[in-house]
Amino acid sequence: MNMTQKAVRQEYDKIASAYDQRWNNYTTKTLTYLQNWVDISPQATVLDIGCGTGEFESLRLREHPNQRITGVDISEQMLLIAKQKFQAYSNVSFQIGAASSLPFANDSFDVIVSASAFHFFDDPVAALAEMKRIIKPDGKVYILDWCKDYFSCRLIDLYLKIFNPAHKLCYTQKQFHDLLTSVQFEIKRAAKFKIDIIWGMMVVEIILPQ
């Protein structure tokens, strides 16, 4: 595990017990937007990269209680909370792992989701390569993250680069799309939105070229 991964794990292990309460407004708004934006079949097998305490799973299962979802995260303490929430669901599981070396076989999932985690990835190209490896040929990937097109996010990005060793990089929408196409993902649709005066977000649906 490299230094960035260790920093991310340490930060989220430390705040895990207070995370849901502290970030409730942010996670509710961003994940509700994502849940309304995605096009996921109730029969699809879903992987949530950077799942944290399982809040996307909560939203998804309210509408589709039989959805098969696997969550992966680098923080053991966040995963402990997620596992407690869904111990009654045999169709939901959680595993520890980093985005750049995912513990799954090739062509394992119909859909991959990653929300508010991409700016932490120590090696975004490796993470995208892993997504390509484990997504089925006709699968879909949804990534939601901060967008540096918004001035407030530029300030946050600058602040975190100085003061938070867990933070890696925040992208403009163009930079992000250029990165996605450089690793041969095809952008199917994309959007930008603000959830409040601070947080500006972007979301994208990407697929493998047919």
N, C-alpha and C. Protein backbone atom coordinates (compact mmCIF):
# COMPACT_ATOMS: atom_id res chain seq x y z
N MET A 1 0.84 -1.19 0.00
CA MET A 1 0.00 0.00 0.00
C MET A 1 0.89 1.25 0.00
N ASN A 2 0.62 2.16 -0.93
CA ASN A 2 1.45 3.35 -1.02
C ASN A 2 1.01 4.42 -0.01
N MET A 3 1.74 5.56 -0.02
CA MET A 3 1.49 6.58 0.99
C MET A 3 0.11 7.21 0.88
N THR A 4 -0.35 7.45 -0.37
CA THR A 4 -1.67 8.04 -0.56
C THR A 4 -2.77 7.10 -0.04
N GLN A 5 -2.65 5.82 -0.38
CA GLN A 5 -3.64 4.85 0.08
C GLN A 5 -3.66 4.75 1.60
N LYS A 6 -2.48 4.77 2.21
CA LYS A 6 -2.41 4.74 3.68
C LYS A 6 -3.07 5.97 4.29
N ALA A 7 -2.84 7.13 3.67
CA ALA A 7 -3.43 8.38 4.18
C ALA A 7 -4.95 8.35 4.09
N VAL A 8 -5.48 7.84 2.97
CA VAL A 8 -6.93 7.75 2.79
C VAL A 8 -7.52 6.79 3.83
N ARG A 9 -6.87 5.62 3.99
CA ARG A 9 -7.37 4.65 4.97
C ARG A 9 -7.35 5.23 6.38
N GLN A 10 -6.26 5.86 6.76
CA GLN A 10 -6.16 6.43 8.11
C GLN A 10 -7.20 7.50 8.35
N GLU A 11 -7.41 8.37 7.35
CA GLU A 11 -8.39 9.45 7.51
C GLU A 11 -9.79 8.90 7.72
N TYR A 12 -10.17 7.93 6.89
CA TYR A 12 -11.55 7.44 6.96
C TYR A 12 -11.76 6.43 8.08
N ASP A 13 -10.72 5.70 8.47
CA ASP A 13 -10.84 4.88 9.67
C ASP A 13 -11.12 5.77 10.89
N LYS A 14 -10.48 6.95 10.91
CA LYS A 14 -10.59 7.86 12.05
C LYS A 14 -11.98 8.50 12.14
N ILE A 15 -12.57 8.85 11.00
CA ILE A 15 -13.85 9.58 11.03
C ILE A 15 -15.06 8.68 10.79
N ALA A 16 -14.84 7.37 10.65
CA ALA A 16 -15.92 6.46 10.25
C ALA A 16 -17.14 6.56 11.16
N SER A 17 -16.93 6.57 12.46
CA SER A 17 -18.06 6.54 13.40
C SER A 17 -18.94 7.79 13.30
N ALA A 18 -18.33 8.91 12.88
CA ALA A 18 -19.10 10.17 12.78
C ALA A 18 -19.47 10.52 11.35
N TYR A 19 -19.05 9.71 10.39
CA TYR A 19 -19.17 10.08 8.97
C TYR A 19 -20.62 10.32 8.55
N ASP A 20 -21.50 9.38 8.82
CA ASP A 20 -22.88 9.50 8.34
C ASP A 20 -23.55 10.76 8.85
N GLN A 21 -23.31 11.08 10.11
CA GLN A 21 -23.93 12.28 10.67
C GLN A 21 -23.29 13.56 10.12
N ARG A 22 -21.97 13.57 10.04
CA ARG A 22 -21.25 14.77 9.62
C ARG A 22 -21.53 15.12 8.16
N TRP A 23 -21.61 14.10 7.32
CA TRP A 23 -21.74 14.32 5.88
C TRP A 23 -23.14 14.00 5.34
N ASN A 24 -24.12 13.94 6.24
CA ASN A 24 -25.46 13.53 5.83
C ASN A 24 -26.04 14.38 4.70
N ASN A 25 -25.94 15.71 4.82
CA ASN A 25 -26.51 16.60 3.82
C ASN A 25 -25.85 16.40 2.45
N TYR A 26 -24.52 16.33 2.46
CA TYR A 26 -23.76 16.13 1.22
C TYR A 26 -24.08 14.79 0.57
N THR A 27 -24.01 13.71 1.34
CA THR A 27 -24.23 12.39 0.75
C THR A 27 -25.67 12.22 0.27
N THR A 28 -26.63 12.74 1.03
CA THR A 28 -28.03 12.62 0.63
C THR A 28 -28.26 13.31 -0.71
N LYS A 29 -27.76 14.54 -0.85
CA LYS A 29 -27.99 15.30 -2.08
C LYS A 29 -27.25 14.71 -3.28
N THR A 30 -25.97 14.37 -3.09
CA THR A 30 -25.20 13.85 -4.23
C THR A 30 -25.67 12.46 -4.64
N LEU A 31 -25.93 11.60 -3.68
CA LEU A 31 -26.31 10.23 -4.01
C LEU A 31 -27.75 10.13 -4.50
N THR A 32 -28.61 11.02 -4.02
CA THR A 32 -29.98 11.04 -4.56
C THR A 32 -29.94 11.47 -6.03
N TYR A 33 -29.12 12.48 -6.33
CA TYR A 33 -28.95 12.89 -7.73
C TYR A 33 -28.44 11.71 -8.56
N LEU A 34 -27.43 11.03 -8.05
CA LEU A 34 -26.86 9.89 -8.79
C LEU A 34 -27.88 8.78 -8.99
N GLN A 35 -28.59 8.44 -7.93
CA GLN A 35 -29.59 7.38 -8.01
C GLN A 35 -30.67 7.72 -9.04
N ASN A 36 -31.05 8.99 -9.13
CA ASN A 36 -32.06 9.41 -10.12
C ASN A 36 -31.49 9.48 -11.53
N TRP A 37 -30.19 9.63 -11.65
CA TRP A 37 -29.54 9.83 -12.95
C TRP A 37 -29.14 8.52 -13.62
N VAL A 38 -28.77 7.52 -12.83
CA VAL A 38 -28.28 6.27 -13.39
C VAL A 38 -29.41 5.48 -14.04
N ASP A 39 -29.01 4.60 -14.94
CA ASP A 39 -29.94 3.69 -15.60
C ASP A 39 -29.44 2.27 -15.31
N ILE A 40 -29.92 1.72 -14.20
CA ILE A 40 -29.45 0.41 -13.74
C ILE A 40 -30.64 -0.54 -13.67
N SER A 41 -30.52 -1.66 -14.35
CA SER A 41 -31.56 -2.69 -14.28
C SER A 41 -31.59 -3.30 -12.88
N PRO A 42 -32.78 -3.59 -12.35
CA PRO A 42 -32.87 -4.25 -11.04
C PRO A 42 -32.19 -5.63 -11.02
N GLN A 43 -31.98 -6.21 -12.20
CA GLN A 43 -31.34 -7.52 -12.29
C GLN A 43 -29.81 -7.43 -12.41
N ALA A 44 -29.28 -6.22 -12.56
CA ALA A 44 -27.84 -6.04 -12.78
C ALA A 44 -27.04 -6.34 -11.51
N THR A 45 -25.82 -6.82 -11.72
CA THR A 45 -24.86 -6.94 -10.63
C THR A 45 -24.06 -5.64 -10.58
N VAL A 46 -24.03 -5.01 -9.42
CA VAL A 46 -23.47 -3.66 -9.28
C VAL A 46 -22.25 -3.69 -8.35
N LEU A 47 -21.19 -2.98 -8.73
CA LEU A 47 -20.04 -2.76 -7.86
C LEU A 47 -19.97 -1.28 -7.52
N ASP A 48 -19.84 -0.97 -6.24
CA ASP A 48 -19.70 0.40 -5.76
C ASP A 48 -18.27 0.58 -5.25
N ILE A 49 -17.47 1.34 -6.00
CA ILE A 49 -16.06 1.56 -5.64
C ILE A 49 -15.95 2.81 -4.76
N GLY A 50 -15.37 2.63 -3.58
CA GLY A 50 -15.33 3.72 -2.61
C GLY A 50 -16.67 3.84 -1.92
N CYS A 51 -17.23 2.72 -1.53
CA CYS A 51 -18.62 2.67 -1.04
C CYS A 51 -18.80 3.32 0.33
N GLY A 52 -17.71 3.49 1.08
CA GLY A 52 -17.83 4.10 2.40
C GLY A 52 -18.73 3.32 3.32
N THR A 53 -19.69 4.00 3.94
CA THR A 53 -20.60 3.35 4.88
C THR A 53 -21.85 2.77 4.21
N GLY A 54 -21.87 2.75 2.88
CA GLY A 54 -22.96 2.09 2.17
C GLY A 54 -24.20 2.92 1.93
N GLU A 55 -24.04 4.24 1.82
CA GLU A 55 -25.22 5.09 1.65
C GLU A 55 -25.84 4.97 0.25
N PHE A 56 -25.03 4.73 -0.79
CA PHE A 56 -25.63 4.50 -2.11
C PHE A 56 -26.43 3.20 -2.08
N GLU A 57 -25.91 2.20 -1.39
CA GLU A 57 -26.63 0.93 -1.25
C GLU A 57 -27.98 1.16 -0.58
N SER A 58 -28.00 2.01 0.44
CA SER A 58 -29.27 2.31 1.14
C SER A 58 -30.30 2.88 0.18
N LEU A 59 -29.90 3.87 -0.62
CA LEU A 59 -30.82 4.48 -1.57
C LEU A 59 -31.29 3.47 -2.61
N ARG A 60 -30.36 2.70 -3.12
CA ARG A 60 -30.68 1.74 -4.19
C ARG A 60 -31.64 0.66 -3.69
N LEU A 61 -31.40 0.15 -2.50
CA LEU A 61 -32.19 -0.96 -1.99
C LEU A 61 -33.59 -0.55 -1.56
N ARG A 62 -33.78 0.74 -1.30
CA ARG A 62 -35.14 1.20 -1.00
C ARG A 62 -36.06 0.98 -2.19
N GLU A 63 -35.53 1.18 -3.38
CA GLU A 63 -36.33 0.99 -4.60
C GLU A 63 -36.22 -0.43 -5.15
N HIS A 64 -35.05 -1.04 -4.97
CA HIS A 64 -34.80 -2.37 -5.54
C HIS A 64 -34.14 -3.25 -4.48
N PRO A 65 -34.94 -3.79 -3.55
CA PRO A 65 -34.38 -4.51 -2.40
C PRO A 65 -33.63 -5.79 -2.77
N ASN A 66 -33.82 -6.28 -3.99
CA ASN A 66 -33.13 -7.51 -4.40
C ASN A 66 -31.92 -7.25 -5.30
N GLN A 67 -31.57 -5.96 -5.47
CA GLN A 67 -30.40 -5.63 -6.30
C GLN A 67 -29.15 -6.29 -5.71
N ARG A 68 -28.37 -6.93 -6.57
CA ARG A 68 -27.11 -7.54 -6.11
C ARG A 68 -26.00 -6.48 -6.17
N ILE A 69 -25.51 -6.09 -5.00
CA ILE A 69 -24.52 -5.02 -4.91
C ILE A 69 -23.31 -5.48 -4.09
N THR A 70 -22.15 -5.18 -4.61
CA THR A 70 -20.90 -5.38 -3.87
C THR A 70 -20.26 -4.01 -3.65
N GLY A 71 -19.89 -3.72 -2.43
CA GLY A 71 -19.19 -2.48 -2.13
C GLY A 71 -17.73 -2.77 -1.81
N VAL A 72 -16.85 -1.92 -2.30
CA VAL A 72 -15.43 -2.06 -1.99
C VAL A 72 -14.90 -0.71 -1.50
N ASP A 73 -14.06 -0.75 -0.48
CA ASP A 73 -13.51 0.48 0.08
C ASP A 73 -12.17 0.16 0.71
N ILE A 74 -11.35 1.19 0.89
CA ILE A 74 -10.02 1.00 1.45
C ILE A 74 -10.01 1.10 2.97
N SER A 75 -11.12 1.60 3.55
CA SER A 75 -11.20 1.80 4.99
C SER A 75 -11.97 0.66 5.67
N GLU A 76 -11.29 -0.07 6.54
CA GLU A 76 -11.93 -1.17 7.26
C GLU A 76 -13.04 -0.67 8.18
N GLN A 77 -12.83 0.49 8.80
CA GLN A 77 -13.82 1.00 9.75
C GLN A 77 -15.10 1.45 9.04
N MET A 78 -14.96 2.05 7.88
CA MET A 78 -16.15 2.42 7.09
C MET A 78 -16.92 1.16 6.68
N LEU A 79 -16.18 0.13 6.29
CA LEU A 79 -16.82 -1.12 5.86
C LEU A 79 -17.52 -1.83 7.02
N LEU A 80 -16.97 -1.72 8.21
CA LEU A 80 -17.64 -2.33 9.37
C LEU A 80 -19.03 -1.74 9.57
N ILE A 81 -19.14 -0.42 9.40
CA ILE A 81 -20.44 0.24 9.53
C ILE A 81 -21.37 -0.20 8.41
N ALA A 82 -20.84 -0.26 7.19
CA ALA A 82 -21.66 -0.71 6.04
C ALA A 82 -22.17 -2.13 6.27
N LYS A 83 -21.30 -3.00 6.73
CA LYS A 83 -21.71 -4.40 6.94
C LYS A 83 -22.80 -4.51 8.00
N GLN A 84 -22.71 -3.68 9.04
CA GLN A 84 -23.74 -3.69 10.08
C GLN A 84 -25.10 -3.27 9.52
N LYS A 85 -25.09 -2.30 8.61
CA LYS A 85 -26.34 -1.81 8.04
C LYS A 85 -27.06 -2.88 7.21
N PHE A 86 -26.28 -3.72 6.55
CA PHE A 86 -26.88 -4.63 5.57
C PHE A 86 -26.70 -6.10 5.91
N GLN A 87 -26.54 -6.40 7.20
CA GLN A 87 -26.34 -7.79 7.57
C GLN A 87 -27.56 -8.66 7.26
N ALA A 88 -28.73 -8.05 7.10
CA ALA A 88 -29.94 -8.81 6.79
C ALA A 88 -30.09 -9.08 5.28
N TYR A 89 -29.22 -8.48 4.46
CA TYR A 89 -29.33 -8.61 3.01
C TYR A 89 -28.29 -9.60 2.48
N SER A 90 -28.75 -10.74 2.00
CA SER A 90 -27.83 -11.73 1.44
C SER A 90 -27.32 -11.31 0.06
N ASN A 91 -28.00 -10.33 -0.56
CA ASN A 91 -27.62 -9.87 -1.91
C ASN A 91 -26.63 -8.71 -1.88
N VAL A 92 -26.20 -8.30 -0.69
CA VAL A 92 -25.24 -7.20 -0.55
C VAL A 92 -24.00 -7.70 0.19
N SER A 93 -22.84 -7.37 -0.35
CA SER A 93 -21.59 -7.77 0.31
C SER A 93 -20.57 -6.64 0.21
N PHE A 94 -19.57 -6.70 1.08
CA PHE A 94 -18.55 -5.66 1.11
C PHE A 94 -17.17 -6.30 1.22
N GLN A 95 -16.20 -5.69 0.52
CA GLN A 95 -14.83 -6.17 0.56
C GLN A 95 -13.86 -5.00 0.66
N ILE A 96 -12.74 -5.25 1.30
CA ILE A 96 -11.71 -4.23 1.37
C ILE A 96 -10.86 -4.30 0.11
N GLY A 97 -10.46 -3.15 -0.40
CA GLY A 97 -9.63 -3.13 -1.59
C GLY A 97 -9.42 -1.71 -2.10
N ALA A 98 -8.36 -1.54 -2.87
CA ALA A 98 -8.04 -0.25 -3.47
C ALA A 98 -8.52 -0.23 -4.92
N ALA A 99 -8.86 0.96 -5.39
CA ALA A 99 -9.40 1.10 -6.75
C ALA A 99 -8.40 0.66 -7.81
N SER A 100 -7.10 0.77 -7.52
CA SER A 100 -6.08 0.41 -8.51
C SER A 100 -5.73 -1.07 -8.52
N SER A 101 -6.31 -1.84 -7.60
CA SER A 101 -6.08 -3.30 -7.58
C SER A 101 -7.29 -3.97 -6.95
N LEU A 102 -8.35 -4.06 -7.73
CA LEU A 102 -9.62 -4.55 -7.23
C LEU A 102 -9.62 -6.09 -7.12
N PRO A 103 -10.19 -6.64 -6.05
CA PRO A 103 -10.14 -8.08 -5.81
C PRO A 103 -11.26 -8.86 -6.50
N PHE A 104 -11.42 -8.65 -7.81
CA PHE A 104 -12.50 -9.30 -8.54
C PHE A 104 -11.98 -9.85 -9.87
N ALA A 105 -12.67 -10.88 -10.37
CA ALA A 105 -12.29 -11.50 -11.63
C ALA A 105 -12.70 -10.62 -12.82
N ASN A 106 -12.12 -10.89 -13.97
CA ASN A 106 -12.49 -10.18 -15.21
C ASN A 106 -13.98 -10.34 -15.49
N ASP A 107 -14.59 -9.31 -16.07
CA ASP A 107 -15.99 -9.37 -16.54
C ASP A 107 -16.95 -9.80 -15.43
N SER A 108 -16.82 -9.20 -14.25
CA SER A 108 -17.60 -9.62 -13.08
C SER A 108 -18.92 -8.87 -12.90
N PHE A 109 -19.00 -7.62 -13.41
CA PHE A 109 -20.14 -6.77 -13.05
C PHE A 109 -20.81 -6.16 -14.28
N ASP A 110 -22.14 -5.97 -14.15
CA ASP A 110 -22.90 -5.29 -15.20
C ASP A 110 -22.75 -3.78 -15.10
N VAL A 111 -22.62 -3.28 -13.86
CA VAL A 111 -22.57 -1.84 -13.61
C VAL A 111 -21.52 -1.56 -12.54
N ILE A 112 -20.75 -0.50 -12.74
CA ILE A 112 -19.84 0.01 -11.72
C ILE A 112 -20.26 1.44 -11.39
N VAL A 113 -20.29 1.74 -10.11
CA VAL A 113 -20.61 3.08 -9.62
C VAL A 113 -19.47 3.54 -8.72
N SER A 114 -19.07 4.80 -8.83
CA SER A 114 -18.10 5.37 -7.90
C SER A 114 -18.51 6.81 -7.63
N ALA A 115 -18.78 7.12 -6.37
CA ALA A 115 -19.29 8.45 -6.01
C ALA A 115 -18.36 9.14 -5.02
N SER A 116 -17.92 10.34 -5.38
CA SER A 116 -17.10 11.20 -4.51
C SER A 116 -15.83 10.51 -4.02
N ALA A 117 -15.24 9.69 -4.89
CA ALA A 117 -14.03 8.96 -4.50
C ALA A 117 -12.88 9.18 -5.48
N PHE A 118 -13.19 9.58 -6.72
CA PHE A 118 -12.16 9.61 -7.76
C PHE A 118 -11.01 10.54 -7.40
N HIS A 119 -11.27 11.65 -6.70
CA HIS A 119 -10.20 12.59 -6.35
C HIS A 119 -9.23 12.02 -5.33
N PHE A 120 -9.55 10.86 -4.74
CA PHE A 120 -8.64 10.19 -3.82
C PHE A 120 -7.75 9.15 -4.51
N PHE A 121 -8.10 8.76 -5.73
CA PHE A 121 -7.40 7.63 -6.35
C PHE A 121 -5.93 7.98 -6.60
N ASP A 122 -5.04 7.18 -6.05
CA ASP A 122 -3.61 7.45 -6.17
C ASP A 122 -3.11 7.28 -7.59
N ASP A 123 -3.75 6.38 -8.34
CA ASP A 123 -3.36 6.13 -9.73
C ASP A 123 -4.65 6.01 -10.55
N PRO A 124 -5.20 7.16 -11.02
CA PRO A 124 -6.50 7.12 -11.71
C PRO A 124 -6.48 6.28 -12.98
N VAL A 125 -5.36 6.26 -13.69
CA VAL A 125 -5.29 5.44 -14.91
C VAL A 125 -5.39 3.95 -14.57
N ALA A 126 -4.69 3.55 -13.51
CA ALA A 126 -4.77 2.15 -13.06
C ALA A 126 -6.18 1.82 -12.59
N ALA A 127 -6.83 2.76 -11.90
CA ALA A 127 -8.20 2.54 -11.43
C ALA A 127 -9.15 2.35 -12.60
N LEU A 128 -9.01 3.18 -13.63
CA LEU A 128 -9.86 3.04 -14.82
C LEU A 128 -9.57 1.74 -15.56
N ALA A 129 -8.29 1.33 -15.59
CA ALA A 129 -7.94 0.06 -16.22
C ALA A 129 -8.59 -1.11 -15.47
N GLU A 130 -8.65 -1.01 -14.15
CA GLU A 130 -9.30 -2.04 -13.35
C GLU A 130 -10.81 -2.07 -13.64
N MET A 131 -11.42 -0.90 -13.78
CA MET A 131 -12.84 -0.86 -14.13
C MET A 131 -13.08 -1.54 -15.47
N LYS A 132 -12.21 -1.26 -16.43
CA LYS A 132 -12.34 -1.89 -17.75
C LYS A 132 -12.19 -3.41 -17.64
N ARG A 133 -11.33 -3.86 -16.77
CA ARG A 133 -11.07 -5.29 -16.62
C ARG A 133 -12.26 -6.04 -16.03
N ILE A 134 -12.92 -5.44 -15.04
CA ILE A 134 -13.95 -6.19 -14.32
C ILE A 134 -15.36 -5.91 -14.81
N ILE A 135 -15.55 -4.90 -15.68
CA ILE A 135 -16.88 -4.65 -16.23
C ILE A 135 -17.15 -5.60 -17.38
N LYS A 136 -18.39 -6.05 -17.50
CA LYS A 136 -18.75 -6.91 -18.64
C LYS A 136 -18.71 -6.09 -19.94
N PRO A 137 -18.51 -6.74 -21.08
CA PRO A 137 -18.35 -6.00 -22.34
C PRO A 137 -19.49 -5.01 -22.65
N ASP A 138 -20.70 -5.34 -22.23
CA ASP A 138 -21.83 -4.44 -22.48
C ASP A 138 -22.24 -3.67 -21.22
N GLY A 139 -21.31 -3.59 -20.25
CA GLY A 139 -21.62 -2.94 -18.97
C GLY A 139 -21.51 -1.43 -19.01
N LYS A 140 -21.89 -0.80 -17.90
CA LYS A 140 -21.88 0.66 -17.79
C LYS A 140 -21.16 1.07 -16.51
N VAL A 141 -20.44 2.19 -16.60
CA VAL A 141 -19.72 2.74 -15.45
C VAL A 141 -20.22 4.15 -15.19
N TYR A 142 -20.55 4.44 -13.95
CA TYR A 142 -20.99 5.78 -13.55
C TYR A 142 -20.02 6.33 -12.52
N ILE A 143 -19.46 7.51 -12.80
CA ILE A 143 -18.54 8.16 -11.87
C ILE A 143 -19.07 9.56 -11.55
N LEU A 144 -19.20 9.84 -10.27
CA LEU A 144 -19.61 11.15 -9.79
C LEU A 144 -18.49 11.69 -8.91
N ASP A 145 -18.12 12.96 -9.13
CA ASP A 145 -17.06 13.54 -8.30
C ASP A 145 -17.15 15.06 -8.34
N TRP A 146 -16.29 15.69 -7.55
CA TRP A 146 -16.21 17.15 -7.54
C TRP A 146 -15.77 17.65 -8.90
N CYS A 147 -16.19 18.85 -9.25
CA CYS A 147 -15.86 19.43 -10.55
C CYS A 147 -15.14 20.76 -10.36
N LYS A 148 -13.93 20.85 -10.88
CA LYS A 148 -13.11 22.06 -10.69
C LYS A 148 -13.52 23.19 -11.63
N ASP A 149 -14.55 22.98 -12.45
CA ASP A 149 -15.10 24.11 -13.21
C ASP A 149 -15.74 25.13 -12.28
N TYR A 150 -16.11 24.68 -11.09
CA TYR A 150 -16.73 25.57 -10.11
C TYR A 150 -15.64 26.19 -9.22
N PHE A 151 -15.69 27.50 -9.04
CA PHE A 151 -14.65 28.22 -8.30
C PHE A 151 -14.48 27.67 -6.88
N SER A 152 -15.58 27.36 -6.23
CA SER A 152 -15.50 26.83 -4.86
C SER A 152 -14.70 25.53 -4.81
N CYS A 153 -14.86 24.70 -5.83
CA CYS A 153 -14.12 23.44 -5.85
C CYS A 153 -12.64 23.65 -6.17
N ARG A 154 -12.33 24.70 -6.92
CA ARG A 154 -10.92 25.04 -7.15
C ARG A 154 -10.26 25.42 -5.83
N LEU A 155 -10.97 26.18 -5.01
CA LEU A 155 -10.44 26.56 -3.70
C LEU A 155 -10.27 25.34 -2.80
N ILE A 156 -11.26 24.46 -2.79
CA ILE A 156 -11.18 23.24 -1.98
C ILE A 156 -10.02 22.37 -2.42
N ASP A 157 -9.86 22.23 -3.74
CA ASP A 157 -8.78 21.43 -4.29
C ASP A 157 -7.42 21.98 -3.85
N LEU A 158 -7.26 23.29 -3.93
CA LEU A 158 -6.00 23.93 -3.53
C LEU A 158 -5.74 23.74 -2.03
N TYR A 159 -6.76 23.94 -1.23
CA TYR A 159 -6.62 23.79 0.22
C TYR A 159 -6.23 22.36 0.58
N LEU A 160 -6.92 21.38 0.00
CA LEU A 160 -6.67 19.99 0.36
C LEU A 160 -5.29 19.51 -0.11
N LYS A 161 -4.84 20.02 -1.25
CA LYS A 161 -3.51 19.65 -1.73
C LYS A 161 -2.43 20.06 -0.72
N ILE A 162 -2.67 21.16 -0.02
CA ILE A 162 -1.70 21.67 0.95
C ILE A 162 -1.84 20.96 2.30
N PHE A 163 -3.08 20.75 2.73
CA PHE A 163 -3.31 20.34 4.11
C PHE A 163 -3.78 18.89 4.30
N ASN A 164 -4.14 18.22 3.24
CA ASN A 164 -4.68 16.86 3.40
C ASN A 164 -3.92 15.87 2.52
N PRO A 165 -3.07 15.02 3.11
CA PRO A 165 -2.29 14.09 2.31
C PRO A 165 -3.12 13.01 1.62
N ALA A 166 -4.38 12.85 2.02
CA ALA A 166 -5.25 11.86 1.38
C ALA A 166 -5.78 12.34 0.03
N HIS A 167 -5.84 13.65 -0.14
CA HIS A 167 -6.40 14.22 -1.37
C HIS A 167 -5.40 14.10 -2.51
N LYS A 168 -5.88 13.71 -3.69
CA LYS A 168 -4.98 13.54 -4.83
C LYS A 168 -5.19 14.64 -5.87
N LEU A 169 -6.37 14.66 -6.53
CA LEU A 169 -6.56 15.61 -7.63
C LEU A 169 -8.03 15.77 -7.96
N CYS A 170 -8.43 17.02 -8.11
CA CYS A 170 -9.77 17.36 -8.57
C CYS A 170 -9.66 17.83 -10.02
N TYR A 171 -10.62 17.45 -10.87
CA TYR A 171 -10.53 17.71 -12.30
C TYR A 171 -11.61 18.68 -12.76
N THR A 172 -11.33 19.41 -13.84
CA THR A 172 -12.40 20.06 -14.60
C THR A 172 -13.13 18.97 -15.39
N GLN A 173 -14.30 19.29 -15.89
CA GLN A 173 -15.03 18.29 -16.69
C GLN A 173 -14.23 17.90 -17.93
N LYS A 174 -13.60 18.87 -18.60
CA LYS A 174 -12.82 18.56 -19.80
C LYS A 174 -11.61 17.68 -19.46
N GLN A 175 -10.90 18.01 -18.40
CA GLN A 175 -9.77 17.19 -17.99
C GLN A 175 -10.20 15.75 -17.70
N PHE A 176 -11.34 15.63 -17.02
CA PHE A 176 -11.85 14.31 -16.67
C PHE A 176 -12.24 13.52 -17.92
N HIS A 177 -12.96 14.18 -18.82
CA HIS A 177 -13.38 13.50 -20.05
C HIS A 177 -12.17 13.12 -20.91
N ASP A 178 -11.17 14.00 -20.97
CA ASP A 178 -9.95 13.68 -21.72
C ASP A 178 -9.26 12.45 -21.13
N LEU A 179 -9.23 12.36 -19.80
CA LEU A 179 -8.64 11.19 -19.14
C LEU A 179 -9.41 9.92 -19.50
N LEU A 180 -10.73 10.00 -19.46
CA LEU A 180 -11.56 8.83 -19.77
C LEU A 180 -11.36 8.35 -21.20
N THR A 181 -11.33 9.28 -22.15
CA THR A 181 -11.16 8.88 -23.55
C THR A 181 -9.74 8.42 -23.83
N SER A 182 -8.75 8.92 -23.05
CA SER A 182 -7.36 8.50 -23.26
C SER A 182 -7.14 7.03 -22.91
N VAL A 183 -8.00 6.49 -22.06
CA VAL A 183 -7.89 5.06 -21.72
C VAL A 183 -8.96 4.24 -22.44
N GLN A 184 -9.51 4.81 -23.51
CA GLN A 184 -10.44 4.13 -24.40
C GLN A 184 -11.79 3.78 -23.77
N PHE A 185 -12.26 4.63 -22.89
CA PHE A 185 -13.66 4.57 -22.52
C PHE A 185 -14.44 5.49 -23.46
N GLU A 186 -15.69 5.16 -23.70
CA GLU A 186 -16.57 6.00 -24.52
C GLU A 186 -17.57 6.70 -23.61
N ILE A 187 -17.65 8.03 -23.73
CA ILE A 187 -18.57 8.80 -22.89
C ILE A 187 -19.96 8.77 -23.53
N LYS A 188 -20.90 8.20 -22.80
CA LYS A 188 -22.27 8.09 -23.31
C LYS A 188 -23.10 9.33 -22.97
N ARG A 189 -22.97 9.82 -21.76
CA ARG A 189 -23.64 11.06 -21.36
C ARG A 189 -22.94 11.63 -20.13
N ALA A 190 -23.17 12.91 -19.89
CA ALA A 190 -22.49 13.58 -18.78
C ALA A 190 -23.32 14.77 -18.33
N ALA A 191 -23.07 15.22 -17.10
CA ALA A 191 -23.78 16.38 -16.56
C ALA A 191 -22.93 17.05 -15.49
N LYS A 192 -23.23 18.33 -15.24
CA LYS A 192 -22.63 19.07 -14.13
C LYS A 192 -23.78 19.68 -13.32
N PHE A 193 -23.56 19.80 -12.00
CA PHE A 193 -24.61 20.38 -11.17
C PHE A 193 -24.01 20.86 -9.85
N LYS A 194 -24.71 21.78 -9.19
CA LYS A 194 -24.32 22.22 -7.85
C LYS A 194 -25.38 21.74 -6.86
N ILE A 195 -24.92 21.29 -5.69
CA ILE A 195 -25.88 20.87 -4.68
C ILE A 195 -26.12 21.97 -3.65
N ASP A 196 -25.18 22.92 -3.57
CA ASP A 196 -25.33 24.08 -2.69
C ASP A 196 -24.28 25.11 -3.13
N ILE A 197 -24.01 26.11 -2.31
CA ILE A 197 -23.08 27.15 -2.74
C ILE A 197 -21.62 26.66 -2.74
N ILE A 198 -21.36 25.55 -2.08
CA ILE A 198 -19.98 25.04 -2.00
C ILE A 198 -19.70 23.97 -3.04
N TRP A 199 -20.54 22.97 -3.12
CA TRP A 199 -20.18 21.76 -3.85
C TRP A 199 -20.70 21.76 -5.28
N GLY A 200 -19.76 21.78 -6.22
CA GLY A 200 -20.07 21.62 -7.63
C GLY A 200 -19.63 20.24 -8.07
N MET A 201 -20.52 19.53 -8.74
CA MET A 201 -20.29 18.13 -9.05
C MET A 201 -20.36 17.87 -10.55
N MET A 202 -19.79 16.75 -10.96
CA MET A 202 -19.96 16.26 -12.33
C MET A 202 -20.21 14.75 -12.26
N VAL A 203 -20.94 14.27 -13.25
CA VAL A 203 -21.25 12.85 -13.32
C VAL A 203 -21.15 12.43 -14.79
N VAL A 204 -20.73 11.19 -14.98
CA VAL A 204 -20.55 10.69 -16.34
C VAL A 204 -20.98 9.22 -16.40
N GLU A 205 -21.54 8.84 -17.52
CA GLU A 205 -21.78 7.43 -17.83
C GLU A 205 -20.82 7.04 -18.95
N ILE A 206 -20.01 6.03 -18.72
CA ILE A 206 -19.04 5.58 -19.71
C ILE A 206 -19.24 4.11 -20.01
N ILE A 207 -18.90 3.73 -21.24
CA ILE A 207 -19.03 2.35 -21.68
C ILE A 207 -17.77 1.97 -22.46
N LEU A 208 -17.59 0.68 -22.65
CA LEU A 208 -16.51 0.20 -23.48
C LEU A 208 -16.91 0.36 -24.94
N PRO A 209 -15.98 0.76 -25.80
CA PRO A 209 -16.30 0.88 -27.24
C PRO A 209 -16.80 -0.44 -27.78
N GLN A 210 -17.85 -0.38 -28.56
CA GLN A 210 -18.43 -1.62 -29.12
C GLN A 210 -17.74 -2.02 -30.41
